[in-house]
Structure formats: structure tokens, C-alpha cells
Amino acid sequence: MNYQNKNLPEGAVKVGSTPSMNQDTVVKGILKNHLAPKGKYGYIVVESGSLQFVWEDEEGVLDADENNPIVIYPERYHHVRIEGNVEFRVEFYEVDEAGVDEVNQTGNRPGQRFL
């Protein structure tokens, strides 16, 4: 398994969350190339099962399960792969501007409406 092993930045404050989703109820935009909300970190919390996470600008796939969440950096293209039963949610966190690296990109941000 290829786990990310990253933590949210120090001082991150939770500002929103998706409802729990599964392989049948997942927001379809999450499965396609998209960006996290500008200035916000995403955090994939797997409640049961597992999923895969892909950065569009890197080779390889990260695995996520109940013990191994995924930190999603702002303004970086990514998507999620689901290949079986899973239940998960995406939480959103804000960090003091000094802790956020700005990258000027544009694209869909499916999580924006959950904030």
C-alpha cells in the first residue's frame, strides 16, 4: 500500500465537511480532475473500506483507509478512485495565510458548496 503519511498544517481550523458518501452516493465531481477550494485544505476521512487518491501532477496512486487519511492541498489538481465498498467524507480546513502556498490555477471545485 502507498499511504501519504501527511498531516494538516499546524493551526488548521475545520470550516466544513461533505456528508458521508459511499460508492453509490459519491459526488461525481470528486471522481474527475478538480481542485480543492482556494485557500482551503481538504482531508479525506475514510470511515470504512478504502479508496485511492491521485494527484494529476504526479505519477502513482495513494491509498486511503480508516487509519490513513489524505491531506489535499489547495489549488492542486486531483481526483479520487473508488473500486469497491467505501464510506468516507471530505473535511475542509482553513490555515492562516502564511501557512498556505498559493498556486494560480483554475478549475472545478466540487467541495466548494459544502463549506
PDB file of N, CA and C in Angstrom:
ATOM      1  N   MET A   1       0.838  -1.181   0.000  1.00  0.00           N
ATOM      2  CA  MET A   1       0.000   0.000   0.000  1.00  0.00           C
ATOM      3  C   MET A   1       0.886   1.249   0.000  1.00  0.00           C
ATOM      4  N   ASN A   2       0.396   2.279  -0.639  1.00  0.00           N
ATOM      5  CA  ASN A   2       1.140   3.524  -0.741  1.00  0.00           C
ATOM      6  C   ASN A   2       0.364   4.616  -0.003  1.00  0.00           C
ATOM      7  N   TYR A   3       0.677   4.801   1.279  1.00  0.00           N
ATOM      8  CA  TYR A   3      -0.028   5.789   2.091  1.00  0.00           C
ATOM      9  C   TYR A   3       0.694   7.124   2.055  1.00  0.00           C
ATOM     10  N   GLN A   4      -0.051   8.212   2.232  1.00  0.00           N
ATOM     11  CA  GLN A   4       0.510   9.547   2.153  1.00  0.00           C
ATOM     12  C   GLN A   4       1.338   9.913   3.391  1.00  0.00           C
ATOM     13  N   ASN A   5       0.857   9.599   4.567  1.00  0.00           N
ATOM     14  CA  ASN A   5       1.560   9.912   5.815  1.00  0.00           C
ATOM     15  C   ASN A   5       1.860  11.403   5.986  1.00  0.00           C
ATOM     16  N   LYS A   6       0.871  12.248   5.721  1.00  0.00           N
ATOM     17  CA  LYS A   6       0.997  13.700   5.907  1.00  0.00           C
ATOM     18  C   LYS A   6      -0.040  14.153   6.927  1.00  0.00           C
ATOM     19  N   ASN A   7       0.220  15.283   7.555  1.00  0.00           N
ATOM     20  CA  ASN A   7      -0.713  15.884   8.499  1.00  0.00           C
ATOM     21  C   ASN A   7      -1.158  17.236   7.981  1.00  0.00           C
ATOM     22  N   LEU A   8      -2.310  17.677   8.450  1.00  0.00           N
ATOM     23  CA  LEU A   8      -2.745  19.035   8.145  1.00  0.00           C
ATOM     24  C   LEU A   8      -1.757  20.016   8.764  1.00  0.00           C
ATOM     25  N   PRO A   9      -1.632  21.209   8.181  1.00  0.00           N
ATOM     26  CA  PRO A   9      -0.723  22.204   8.751  1.00  0.00           C
ATOM     27  C   PRO A   9      -1.141  22.575  10.177  1.00  0.00           C
ATOM     28  N   GLU A  10      -0.169  22.953  10.959  1.00  0.00           N
ATOM     29  CA  GLU A  10      -0.438  23.395  12.323  1.00  0.00           C
ATOM     30  C   GLU A  10      -1.397  24.580  12.295  1.00  0.00           C
ATOM     31  N   GLY A  11      -2.350  24.590  13.176  1.00  0.00           N
ATOM     32  CA  GLY A  11      -3.314  25.684  13.260  1.00  0.00           C
ATOM     33  C   GLY A  11      -4.488  25.561  12.312  1.00  0.00           C
ATOM     34  N   ALA A  12      -4.596  24.459  11.580  1.00  0.00           N
ATOM     35  CA  ALA A  12      -5.727  24.274  10.660  1.00  0.00           C
ATOM     36  C   ALA A  12      -7.037  24.257  11.452  1.00  0.00           C
ATOM     37  N   VAL A  13      -8.036  24.967  10.932  1.00  0.00           N
ATOM     38  CA  VAL A  13      -9.343  25.073  11.586  1.00  0.00           C
ATOM     39  C   VAL A  13     -10.403  24.510  10.645  1.00  0.00           C
ATOM     40  N   LYS A  14     -11.179  23.556  11.138  1.00  0.00           N
ATOM     41  CA  LYS A  14     -12.226  22.942  10.318  1.00  0.00           C
ATOM     42  C   LYS A  14     -13.320  23.958  10.026  1.00  0.00           C
ATOM     43  N   VAL A  15     -13.663  24.076   8.722  1.00  0.00           N
ATOM     44  CA  VAL A  15     -14.681  25.041   8.303  1.00  0.00           C
ATOM     45  C   VAL A  15     -15.853  24.399   7.571  1.00  0.00           C
ATOM     46  N   GLY A  16     -15.793  23.094   7.336  1.00  0.00           N
ATOM     47  CA  GLY A  16     -16.897  22.437   6.641  1.00  0.00           C
ATOM     48  C   GLY A  16     -16.588  20.986   6.373  1.00  0.00           C
ATOM     49  N   SER A  17     -17.594  20.281   5.882  1.00  0.00           N
ATOM     50  CA  SER A  17     -17.447  18.864   5.578  1.00  0.00           C
ATOM     51  C   SER A  17     -18.535  18.447   4.604  1.00  0.00           C
ATOM     52  N   THR A  18     -18.218  17.474   3.781  1.00  0.00           N
ATOM     53  CA  THR A  18     -19.257  16.847   2.969  1.00  0.00           C
ATOM     54  C   THR A  18     -20.041  15.920   3.876  1.00  0.00           C
ATOM     55  N   PRO A  19     -21.224  15.516   3.471  1.00  0.00           N
ATOM     56  CA  PRO A  19     -21.862  14.417   4.187  1.00  0.00           C
ATOM     57  C   PRO A  19     -21.067  13.137   3.908  1.00  0.00           C
ATOM     58  N   SER A  20     -21.276  12.116   4.706  1.00  0.00           N
ATOM     59  CA  SER A  20     -20.661  10.822   4.402  1.00  0.00           C
ATOM     60  C   SER A  20     -21.181  10.341   3.056  1.00  0.00           C
ATOM     61  N   MET A  21     -20.275   9.792   2.260  1.00  0.00           N
ATOM     62  CA  MET A  21     -20.613   9.275   0.933  1.00  0.00           C
ATOM     63  C   MET A  21     -20.144   7.836   0.843  1.00  0.00           C
ATOM     64  N   ASN A  22     -20.730   7.091  -0.090  1.00  0.00           N
ATOM     65  CA  ASN A  22     -20.240   5.749  -0.379  1.00  0.00           C
ATOM     66  C   ASN A  22     -20.100   5.608  -1.885  1.00  0.00           C
ATOM     67  N   GLN A  23     -19.785   4.410  -2.332  1.00  0.00           N
ATOM     68  CA  GLN A  23     -19.557   4.168  -3.758  1.00  0.00           C
ATOM     69  C   GLN A  23     -20.781   4.496  -4.611  1.00  0.00           C
ATOM     70  N   ASP A  24     -21.977   4.487  -4.026  1.00  0.00           N
ATOM     71  CA  ASP A  24     -23.199   4.779  -4.776  1.00  0.00           C
ATOM     72  C   ASP A  24     -23.628   6.238  -4.680  1.00  0.00           C
ATOM     73  N   THR A  25     -23.239   6.926  -3.590  1.00  0.00           N
ATOM     74  CA  THR A  25     -23.718   8.288  -3.366  1.00  0.00           C
ATOM     75  C   THR A  25     -22.634   9.348  -3.540  1.00  0.00           C
ATOM     76  N   VAL A  26     -21.437   8.937  -3.951  1.00  0.00           N
ATOM     77  CA  VAL A  26     -20.327   9.874  -4.093  1.00  0.00           C
ATOM     78  C   VAL A  26     -20.697  11.009  -5.051  1.00  0.00           C
ATOM     79  N   VAL A  27     -20.282  12.217  -4.707  1.00  0.00           N
ATOM     80  CA  VAL A  27     -20.437  13.370  -5.593  1.00  0.00           C
ATOM     81  C   VAL A  27     -19.565  13.100  -6.815  1.00  0.00           C
ATOM     82  N   LYS A  28     -20.165  13.020  -7.983  1.00  0.00           N
ATOM     83  CA  LYS A  28     -19.445  12.596  -9.195  1.00  0.00           C
ATOM     84  C   LYS A  28     -18.233  13.468  -9.521  1.00  0.00           C
ATOM     85  N   GLY A  29     -18.268  14.750  -9.167  1.00  0.00           N
ATOM     86  CA  GLY A  29     -17.146  15.636  -9.446  1.00  0.00           C
ATOM     87  C   GLY A  29     -15.866  15.231  -8.746  1.00  0.00           C
ATOM     88  N   ILE A  30     -15.983  14.530  -7.620  1.00  0.00           N
ATOM     89  CA  ILE A  30     -14.816  14.078  -6.887  1.00  0.00           C
ATOM     90  C   ILE A  30     -14.046  13.020  -7.674  1.00  0.00           C
ATOM     91  N   LEU A  31     -14.748  12.318  -8.547  1.00  0.00           N
ATOM     92  CA  LEU A  31     -14.121  11.248  -9.325  1.00  0.00           C
ATOM     93  C   LEU A  31     -13.415  11.762 -10.574  1.00  0.00           C
ATOM     94  N   LYS A  32     -13.535  13.061 -10.834  1.00  0.00           N
ATOM     95  CA  LYS A  32     -12.914  13.683 -12.009  1.00  0.00           C
ATOM     96  C   LYS A  32     -11.861  14.692 -11.562  1.00  0.00           C
ATOM     97  N   ASN A  33     -11.013  15.095 -12.479  1.00  0.00           N
ATOM     98  CA  ASN A  33      -9.978  16.087 -12.243  1.00  0.00           C
ATOM     99  C   ASN A  33     -10.604  17.385 -11.714  1.00  0.00           C
ATOM    100  N   HIS A  34     -10.204  17.817 -10.523  1.00  0.00           N
ATOM    101  CA  HIS A  34     -10.734  19.042  -9.922  1.00  0.00           C
ATOM    102  C   HIS A  34      -9.738  19.596  -8.908  1.00  0.00           C
ATOM    103  N   LEU A  35     -10.048  20.753  -8.348  1.00  0.00           N
ATOM    104  CA  LEU A  35      -9.201  21.413  -7.358  1.00  0.00           C
ATOM    105  C   LEU A  35      -9.928  21.500  -6.020  1.00  0.00           C
ATOM    106  N   ALA A  36      -9.171  21.513  -4.940  1.00  0.00           N
ATOM    107  CA  ALA A  36      -9.735  21.837  -3.634  1.00  0.00           C
ATOM    108  C   ALA A  36     -10.084  23.328  -3.641  1.00  0.00           C
ATOM    109  N   PRO A  37     -10.994  23.753  -2.768  1.00  0.00           N
ATOM    110  CA  PRO A  37     -11.321  25.182  -2.714  1.00  0.00           C
ATOM    111  C   PRO A  37     -10.082  26.027  -2.457  1.00  0.00           C
ATOM    112  N   LYS A  38     -10.023  27.189  -3.071  1.00  0.00           N
ATOM    113  CA  LYS A  38      -8.887  28.091  -2.922  1.00  0.00           C
ATOM    114  C   LYS A  38      -8.706  28.461  -1.446  1.00  0.00           C
ATOM    115  N   GLY A  39      -7.468  28.346  -0.987  1.00  0.00           N
ATOM    116  CA  GLY A  39      -7.170  28.711   0.384  1.00  0.00           C
ATOM    117  C   GLY A  39      -7.626  27.702   1.419  1.00  0.00           C
ATOM    118  N   LYS A  40      -8.103  26.547   0.990  1.00  0.00           N
ATOM    119  CA  LYS A  40      -8.594  25.521   1.911  1.00  0.00           C
ATOM    120  C   LYS A  40      -7.870  24.198   1.659  1.00  0.00           C
ATOM    121  N   TYR A  41      -7.627  23.488   2.717  1.00  0.00           N
ATOM    122  CA  TYR A  41      -7.111  22.128   2.632  1.00  0.00           C
ATOM    123  C   TYR A  41      -8.287  21.173   2.734  1.00  0.00           C
ATOM    124  N   GLY A  42      -8.253  20.114   1.964  1.00  0.00           N
ATOM    125  CA  GLY A  42      -9.214  19.039   2.109  1.00  0.00           C
ATOM    126  C   GLY A  42      -8.574  17.928   2.922  1.00  0.00           C
ATOM    127  N   TYR A  43      -9.414  17.090   3.518  1.00  0.00           N
ATOM    128  CA  TYR A  43      -8.917  15.991   4.341  1.00  0.00           C
ATOM    129  C   TYR A  43      -9.886  14.834   4.156  1.00  0.00           C
ATOM    130  N   ILE A  44      -9.449  13.804   3.432  1.00  0.00           N
ATOM    131  CA  ILE A  44     -10.320  12.654   3.175  1.00  0.00           C
ATOM    132  C   ILE A  44     -10.241  11.716   4.365  1.00  0.00           C
ATOM    133  N   VAL A  45     -11.406  11.502   4.988  1.00  0.00           N
ATOM    134  CA  VAL A  45     -11.521  10.611   6.138  1.00  0.00           C
ATOM    135  C   VAL A  45     -12.332   9.395   5.697  1.00  0.00           C
ATOM    136  N   VAL A  46     -11.688   8.242   5.647  1.00  0.00           N
ATOM    137  CA  VAL A  46     -12.369   7.004   5.270  1.00  0.00           C
ATOM    138  C   VAL A  46     -12.953   6.387   6.535  1.00  0.00           C
ATOM    139  N   GLU A  47     -14.261   6.172   6.511  1.00  0.00           N
ATOM    140  CA  GLU A  47     -14.945   5.600   7.669  1.00  0.00           C
ATOM    141  C   GLU A  47     -14.969   4.078   7.616  1.00  0.00           C
ATOM    142  N   SER A  48     -15.055   3.518   6.418  1.00  0.00           N
ATOM    143  CA  SER A  48     -14.957   2.068   6.226  1.00  0.00           C
ATOM    144  C   SER A  48     -14.544   1.795   4.786  1.00  0.00           C
ATOM    145  N   GLY A  49     -13.856   0.673   4.589  1.00  0.00           N
ATOM    146  CA  GLY A  49     -13.381   0.331   3.255  1.00  0.00           C
ATOM    147  C   GLY A  49     -12.112   1.088   2.918  1.00  0.00           C
ATOM    148  N   SER A  50     -11.894   1.311   1.629  1.00  0.00           N
ATOM    149  CA  SER A  50     -10.707   2.031   1.177  1.00  0.00           C
ATOM    150  C   SER A  50     -10.991   2.690  -0.164  1.00  0.00           C
ATOM    151  N   LEU A  51     -10.138   3.634  -0.528  1.00  0.00           N
ATOM    152  CA  LEU A  51     -10.222   4.308  -1.823  1.00  0.00           C
ATOM    153  C   LEU A  51      -8.821   4.677  -2.243  1.00  0.00           C
ATOM    154  N   GLN A  52      -8.714   5.179  -3.464  1.00  0.00           N
ATOM    155  CA  GLN A  52      -7.432   5.627  -3.982  1.00  0.00           C
ATOM    156  C   GLN A  52      -7.527   7.098  -4.342  1.00  0.00           C
ATOM    157  N   PHE A  53      -6.401   7.790  -4.212  1.00  0.00           N
ATOM    158  CA  PHE A  53      -6.316   9.218  -4.454  1.00  0.00           C
ATOM    159  C   PHE A  53      -5.189   9.455  -5.455  1.00  0.00           C
ATOM    160  N   VAL A  54      -5.442  10.336  -6.437  1.00  0.00           N
ATOM    161  CA  VAL A  54      -4.462  10.595  -7.490  1.00  0.00           C
ATOM    162  C   VAL A  54      -4.218  12.100  -7.620  1.00  0.00           C
ATOM    163  N   TRP A  55      -2.947  12.513  -7.495  1.00  0.00           N
ATOM    164  CA  TRP A  55      -2.557  13.875  -7.863  1.00  0.00           C
ATOM    165  C   TRP A  55      -2.366  13.884  -9.367  1.00  0.00           C
ATOM    166  N   GLU A  56      -2.915  14.864 -10.044  1.00  0.00           N
ATOM    167  CA  GLU A  56      -2.797  14.930 -11.503  1.00  0.00           C
ATOM    168  C   GLU A  56      -1.383  15.282 -11.958  1.00  0.00           C
ATOM    169  N   ASP A  57      -0.592  15.908 -11.088  1.00  0.00           N
ATOM    170  CA  ASP A  57       0.749  16.326 -11.478  1.00  0.00           C
ATOM    171  C   ASP A  57       1.841  15.388 -10.975  1.00  0.00           C
ATOM    172  N   GLU A  58       1.476  14.201 -10.501  1.00  0.00           N
ATOM    173  CA  GLU A  58       2.446  13.209 -10.039  1.00  0.00           C
ATOM    174  C   GLU A  58       2.057  11.840 -10.555  1.00  0.00           C
ATOM    175  N   GLU A  59       3.033  10.979 -10.703  1.00  0.00           N
ATOM    176  CA  GLU A  59       2.738   9.592 -11.047  1.00  0.00           C
ATOM    177  C   GLU A  59       2.475   8.833  -9.763  1.00  0.00           C
ATOM    178  N   GLY A  60       1.682   7.796  -9.862  1.00  0.00           N
ATOM    179  CA  GLY A  60       1.409   6.960  -8.709  1.00  0.00           C
ATOM    180  C   GLY A  60       0.062   7.260  -8.090  1.00  0.00           C
ATOM    181  N   VAL A  61      -0.336   6.362  -7.229  1.00  0.00           N
ATOM    182  CA  VAL A  61      -1.636   6.430  -6.571  1.00  0.00           C
ATOM    183  C   VAL A  61      -1.419   6.302  -5.074  1.00  0.00           C
ATOM    184  N   LEU A  62      -2.148   7.100  -4.296  1.00  0.00           N
ATOM    185  CA  LEU A  62      -2.112   6.983  -2.842  1.00  0.00           C
ATOM    186  C   LEU A  62      -3.321   6.183  -2.379  1.00  0.00           C
ATOM    187  N   ASP A  63      -3.129   5.363  -1.374  1.00  0.00           N
ATOM    188  CA  ASP A  63      -4.217   4.589  -0.790  1.00  0.00           C
ATOM    189  C   ASP A  63      -4.697   5.280   0.475  1.00  0.00           C
ATOM    190  N   ALA A  64      -5.995   5.166   0.746  1.00  0.00           N
ATOM    191  CA  ALA A  64      -6.578   5.716   1.969  1.00  0.00           C
ATOM    192  C   ALA A  64      -7.517   4.685   2.565  1.00  0.00           C
ATOM    193  N   ASP A  65      -7.450   4.564   3.896  1.00  0.00           N
ATOM    194  CA  ASP A  65      -8.368   3.695   4.620  1.00  0.00           C
ATOM    195  C   ASP A  65      -8.639   4.338   5.980  1.00  0.00           C
ATOM    196  N   GLU A  66      -9.263   3.596   6.882  1.00  0.00           N
ATOM    197  CA  GLU A  66      -9.660   4.153   8.177  1.00  0.00           C
ATOM    198  C   GLU A  66      -8.489   4.700   8.984  1.00  0.00           C
ATOM    199  N   ASN A  67      -7.313   4.169   8.805  1.00  0.00           N
ATOM    200  CA  ASN A  67      -6.141   4.603   9.564  1.00  0.00           C
ATOM    201  C   ASN A  67      -5.210   5.513   8.778  1.00  0.00           C
ATOM    202  N   ASN A  68      -5.537   5.771   7.524  1.00  0.00           N
ATOM    203  CA  ASN A  68      -4.647   6.537   6.656  1.00  0.00           C
ATOM    204  C   ASN A  68      -5.436   7.539   5.819  1.00  0.00           C
ATOM    205  N   PRO A  69      -5.705   8.734   6.386  1.00  0.00           N
ATOM    206  CA  PRO A  69      -6.429   9.769   5.642  1.00  0.00           C
ATOM    207  C   PRO A  69      -5.525  10.412   4.587  1.00  0.00           C
ATOM    208  N   ILE A  70      -6.108  11.276   3.792  1.00  0.00           N
ATOM    209  CA  ILE A  70      -5.370  12.001   2.753  1.00  0.00           C
ATOM    210  C   ILE A  70      -5.516  13.502   2.991  1.00  0.00           C
ATOM    211  N   VAL A  71      -4.393  14.214   2.990  1.00  0.00           N
ATOM    212  CA  VAL A  71      -4.398  15.681   3.035  1.00  0.00           C
ATOM    213  C   VAL A  71      -4.394  16.173   1.604  1.00  0.00           C
ATOM    214  N   ILE A  72      -5.362  17.031   1.265  1.00  0.00           N
ATOM    215  CA  ILE A  72      -5.472  17.593  -0.084  1.00  0.00           C
ATOM    216  C   ILE A  72      -5.052  19.056  -0.017  1.00  0.00           C
ATOM    217  N   TYR A  73      -4.027  19.397  -0.773  1.00  0.00           N
ATOM    218  CA  TYR A  73      -3.512  20.756  -0.756  1.00  0.00           C
ATOM    219  C   TYR A  73      -4.363  21.676  -1.630  1.00  0.00           C
ATOM    220  N   PRO A  74      -4.492  22.950  -1.239  1.00  0.00           N
ATOM    221  CA  PRO A  74      -5.283  23.896  -2.033  1.00  0.00           C
ATOM    222  C   PRO A  74      -4.708  24.081  -3.435  1.00  0.00           C
ATOM    223  N   GLU A  75      -5.619  24.280  -4.379  1.00  0.00           N
ATOM    224  CA  GLU A  75      -5.232  24.654  -5.736  1.00  0.00           C
ATOM    225  C   GLU A  75      -4.303  23.642  -6.402  1.00  0.00           C
ATOM    226  N   ARG A  76      -4.553  22.368  -6.156  1.00  0.00           N
ATOM    227  CA  ARG A  76      -3.755  21.315  -6.805  1.00  0.00           C
ATOM    228  C   ARG A  76      -4.712  20.270  -7.374  1.00  0.00           C
ATOM    229  N   TYR A  77      -4.586  20.003  -8.675  1.00  0.00           N
ATOM    230  CA  TYR A  77      -5.487  19.074  -9.354  1.00  0.00           C
ATOM    231  C   TYR A  77      -5.347  17.646  -8.821  1.00  0.00           C
ATOM    232  N   HIS A  78      -6.485  17.004  -8.648  1.00  0.00           N
ATOM    233  CA  HIS A  78      -6.513  15.640  -8.133  1.00  0.00           C
ATOM    234  C   HIS A  78      -7.857  14.993  -8.443  1.00  0.00           C
ATOM    235  N   HIS A  79      -7.971  13.690  -8.172  1.00  0.00           N
ATOM    236  CA  HIS A  79      -9.257  13.000  -8.217  1.00  0.00           C
ATOM    237  C   HIS A  79      -9.193  11.759  -7.332  1.00  0.00           C
ATOM    238  N   VAL A  80     -10.357  11.196  -7.060  1.00  0.00           N
ATOM    239  CA  VAL A  80     -10.485  10.013  -6.216  1.00  0.00           C
ATOM    240  C   VAL A  80     -10.924   8.846  -7.093  1.00  0.00           C
ATOM    241  N   ARG A  81     -10.412   7.648  -6.779  1.00  0.00           N
ATOM    242  CA  ARG A  81     -10.848   6.409  -7.438  1.00  0.00           C
ATOM    243  C   ARG A  81     -11.511   5.518  -6.395  1.00  0.00           C
ATOM    244  N   ILE A  82     -12.637   4.946  -6.777  1.00  0.00           N
ATOM    245  CA  ILE A  82     -13.333   4.017  -5.891  1.00  0.00           C
ATOM    246  C   ILE A  82     -13.480   2.695  -6.621  1.00  0.00           C
ATOM    247  N   GLU A  83     -13.012   1.642  -5.992  1.00  0.00           N
ATOM    248  CA  GLU A  83     -13.064   0.315  -6.612  1.00  0.00           C
ATOM    249  C   GLU A  83     -13.596  -0.707  -5.617  1.00  0.00           C
ATOM    250  N   GLY A  84     -14.720  -0.433  -5.008  1.00  0.00           N
ATOM    251  CA  GLY A  84     -15.306  -1.342  -4.025  1.00  0.00           C
ATOM    252  C   GLY A  84     -16.128  -0.573  -3.025  1.00  0.00           C
ATOM    253  N   ASN A  85     -16.536  -1.256  -1.984  1.00  0.00           N
ATOM    254  CA  ASN A  85     -17.348  -0.626  -0.956  1.00  0.00           C
ATOM    255  C   ASN A  85     -16.497   0.300  -0.098  1.00  0.00           C
ATOM    256  N   VAL A  86     -16.995   1.506   0.104  1.00  0.00           N
ATOM    257  CA  VAL A  86     -16.288   2.501   0.904  1.00  0.00           C
ATOM    258  C   VAL A  86     -17.305   3.490   1.462  1.00  0.00           C
ATOM    259  N   GLU A  87     -17.005   4.026   2.619  1.00  0.00           N
ATOM    260  CA  GLU A  87     -17.764   5.146   3.161  1.00  0.00           C
ATOM    261  C   GLU A  87     -16.739   6.172   3.624  1.00  0.00           C
ATOM    262  N   PHE A  88     -16.920   7.425   3.192  1.00  0.00           N
ATOM    263  CA  PHE A  88     -15.939   8.459   3.502  1.00  0.00           C
ATOM    264  C   PHE A  88     -16.586   9.833   3.458  1.00  0.00           C
ATOM    265  N   ARG A  89     -15.846  10.807   3.957  1.00  0.00           N
ATOM    266  CA  ARG A  89     -16.257  12.211   3.865  1.00  0.00           C
ATOM    267  C   ARG A  89     -15.011  13.037   3.581  1.00  0.00           C
ATOM    268  N   VAL A  90     -15.221  14.262   3.106  1.00  0.00           N
ATOM    269  CA  VAL A  90     -14.113  15.185   2.898  1.00  0.00           C
ATOM    270  C   VAL A  90     -14.348  16.378   3.809  1.00  0.00           C
ATOM    271  N   GLU A  91     -13.396  16.620   4.685  1.00  0.00           N
ATOM    272  CA  GLU A  91     -13.464  17.778   5.569  1.00  0.00           C
ATOM    273  C   GLU A  91     -12.630  18.897   4.949  1.00  0.00           C
ATOM    274  N   PHE A  92     -12.991  20.141   5.272  1.00  0.00           N
ATOM    275  CA  PHE A  92     -12.276  21.295   4.741  1.00  0.00           C
ATOM    276  C   PHE A  92     -11.739  22.142   5.884  1.00  0.00           C
ATOM    277  N   TYR A  93     -10.495  22.580   5.723  1.00  0.00           N
ATOM    278  CA  TYR A  93      -9.794  23.323   6.765  1.00  0.00           C
ATOM    279  C   TYR A  93      -9.194  24.594   6.192  1.00  0.00           C
ATOM    280  N   GLU A  94      -9.219  25.655   7.000  1.00  0.00           N
ATOM    281  CA  GLU A  94      -8.529  26.895   6.662  1.00  0.00           C
ATOM    282  C   GLU A  94      -7.266  26.974   7.505  1.00  0.00           C
ATOM    283  N   VAL A  95      -6.259  27.617   6.942  1.00  0.00           N
ATOM    284  CA  VAL A  95      -4.995  27.810   7.627  1.00  0.00           C
ATOM    285  C   VAL A  95      -4.631  29.278   7.483  1.00  0.00           C
ATOM    286  N   ASP A  96      -3.997  29.843   8.483  1.00  0.00           N
ATOM    287  CA  ASP A  96      -3.504  31.216   8.400  1.00  0.00           C
ATOM    288  C   ASP A  96      -2.798  31.389   7.065  1.00  0.00           C
ATOM    289  N   GLU A  97      -3.036  32.501   6.392  1.00  0.00           N
ATOM    290  CA  GLU A  97      -2.496  32.712   5.043  1.00  0.00           C
ATOM    291  C   GLU A  97      -1.001  32.452   4.947  1.00  0.00           C
ATOM    292  N   ALA A  98      -0.268  32.670   6.015  1.00  0.00           N
ATOM    293  CA  ALA A  98       1.173  32.439   5.984  1.00  0.00           C
ATOM    294  C   ALA A  98       1.478  30.958   5.803  1.00  0.00           C
ATOM    295  N   GLY A  99       0.518  30.086   6.140  1.00  0.00           N
ATOM    296  CA  GLY A  99       0.738  28.654   6.023  1.00  0.00           C
ATOM    297  C   GLY A  99       0.245  28.051   4.727  1.00  0.00           C
ATOM    298  N   VAL A 100      -0.269  28.870   3.825  1.00  0.00           N
ATOM    299  CA  VAL A 100      -0.831  28.358   2.575  1.00  0.00           C
ATOM    300  C   VAL A 100       0.028  28.805   1.400  1.00  0.00           C
ATOM    301  N   ASP A 101       0.442  27.863   0.598  1.00  0.00           N
ATOM    302  CA  ASP A 101       1.164  28.181  -0.631  1.00  0.00           C
ATOM    303  C   ASP A 101       0.140  28.421  -1.731  1.00  0.00           C
ATOM    304  N   GLU A 102       0.148  29.587  -2.308  1.00  0.00           N
ATOM    305  CA  GLU A 102      -0.789  29.922  -3.380  1.00  0.00           C
ATOM    306  C   GLU A 102      -0.238  29.466  -4.722  1.00  0.00           C
ATOM    307  N   VAL A 103      -1.049  28.786  -5.488  1.00  0.00           N
ATOM    308  CA  VAL A 103      -0.716  28.378  -6.840  1.00  0.00           C
ATOM    309  C   VAL A 103      -1.858  28.866  -7.716  1.00  0.00           C
ATOM    310  N   ASN A 104      -1.560  29.616  -8.725  1.00  0.00           N
ATOM    311  CA  ASN A 104      -2.601  30.189  -9.567  1.00  0.00           C
ATOM    312  C   ASN A 104      -3.082  29.192 -10.599  1.00  0.00           C
ATOM    313  N   GLN A 105      -4.165  28.487 -10.277  1.00  0.00           N
ATOM    314  CA  GLN A 105      -4.789  27.533 -11.175  1.00  0.00           C
ATOM    315  C   GLN A 105      -6.293  27.787 -11.128  1.00  0.00           C
ATOM    316  N   THR A 106      -6.981  27.300 -12.133  1.00  0.00           N
ATOM    317  CA  THR A 106      -8.435  27.402 -12.127  1.00  0.00           C
ATOM    318  C   THR A 106      -9.008  26.045 -12.461  1.00  0.00           C
ATOM    319  N   GLY A 107     -10.224  25.819 -12.092  1.00  0.00           N
ATOM    320  CA  GLY A 107     -10.863  24.551 -12.390  1.00  0.00           C
ATOM    321  C   GLY A 107     -12.069  24.339 -11.490  1.00  0.00           C
ATOM    322  N   ASN A 108     -12.699  23.183 -11.632  1.00  0.00           N
ATOM    323  CA  ASN A 108     -13.870  22.856 -10.828  1.00  0.00           C
ATOM    324  C   ASN A 108     -13.464  22.552  -9.401  1.00  0.00           C
ATOM    325  N   ARG A 109     -14.280  22.978  -8.477  1.00  0.00           N
ATOM    326  CA  ARG A 109     -14.056  22.706  -7.066  1.00  0.00           C
ATOM    327  C   ARG A 109     -15.333  22.126  -6.480  1.00  0.00           C
ATOM    328  N   PRO A 110     -15.579  20.813  -6.649  1.00  0.00           N
ATOM    329  CA  PRO A 110     -16.826  20.215  -6.193  1.00  0.00           C
ATOM    330  C   PRO A 110     -17.084  20.411  -4.703  1.00  0.00           C
ATOM    331  N   GLY A 111     -16.053  20.519  -3.887  1.00  0.00           N
ATOM    332  CA  GLY A 111     -16.245  20.680  -2.459  1.00  0.00           C
ATOM    333  C   GLY A 111     -16.680  22.070  -2.034  1.00  0.00           C
ATOM    334  N   GLN A 112     -16.582  23.050  -2.907  1.00  0.00           N
ATOM    335  CA  GLN A 112     -16.870  24.429  -2.555  1.00  0.00           C
ATOM    336  C   GLN A 112     -18.254  24.569  -1.921  1.00  0.00           C
ATOM    337  N   ARG A 113     -19.235  23.859  -2.414  1.00  0.00           N
ATOM    338  CA  ARG A 113     -20.604  24.030  -1.905  1.00  0.00           C
ATOM    339  C   ARG A 113     -20.821  23.444  -0.524  1.00  0.00           C
ATOM    340  N   PHE A 114     -19.854  22.682  -0.001  1.00  0.00           N
ATOM    341  CA  PHE A 114     -20.008  22.087   1.320  1.00  0.00           C
ATOM    342  C   PHE A 114     -19.470  22.982   2.427  1.00  0.00           C
ATOM    343  N   LEU A 115     -18.862  24.111   2.075  1.00  0.00           N
ATOM    344  CA  LEU A 115     -18.269  24.979   3.086  1.00  0.00           C
ATOM    345  C   LEU A 115     -19.311  25.858   3.713  1.00  0.00           C
TER     346      LEU A 115
END
